[in-house]
């Protein structure tokens, strides 16, 4: 079955160029020209969203935030493609849960390679598929199939990257993960992100865990581990 990609950009020539190259690679492409229209098109969740930042009606950051807060689309990978070269914008985009952040201009061949990399990371490997779908640790219940987390009797929403970080740590209690290991496992080698991104995500996870926040222990100068 063809992978379905939602391309969102207010510049129609860019949308047309992306559509041409992605269709040539065998993908099905749906287009939108602002964030509001993108959310409407995402009601039938695509396999990937390519999203511009600076758009009318609803910008890319707000669109990404809404996609990640909706249980129907929270697991859909997002790739920002934008003319903004600001490092702050890149950090914001990745902290919102985006899987990649690419600056324009980029050659169609490189873009297709990055699309394939994001889709590959979004598809579980055979080893991952063999892992138990539900992780239980104390009052925590992490369901890899439904992307849901229960803390005690309450279900708490975690955006995709926060969910993946928590699941990775909880799947190996007692194991120390360096920041580099976490970046490589969650974002992959194709995306350049800074160590601070991990720290920000861990802080947000702890806030949502409440009294269970101490389950994630900081190993000074190294990284983090989930308490055994």
Foldseek 3Di string as FASTA:
>chain_A
DAFEEEEEALDVVVVVVLCVLVVVVPHHYHYYHALVVSVVVCVVPGQEYEAEADGPPHGRLRSLLVQCVDLSRLLRAYEYEYQDPDPVVQLSCVLSPHLAYHHPDDDSVVVVVVVVVSSVLSDDDPVRVPDDQWQDDPQWIAGNVSRWIGRNNRIDRDRDLLSVLVCVQRSDAPDFAFLVNSCCNRNNPVHDDDSVSLVVSLVVNLVRNDVLSVQWDADPPGGIHGHD
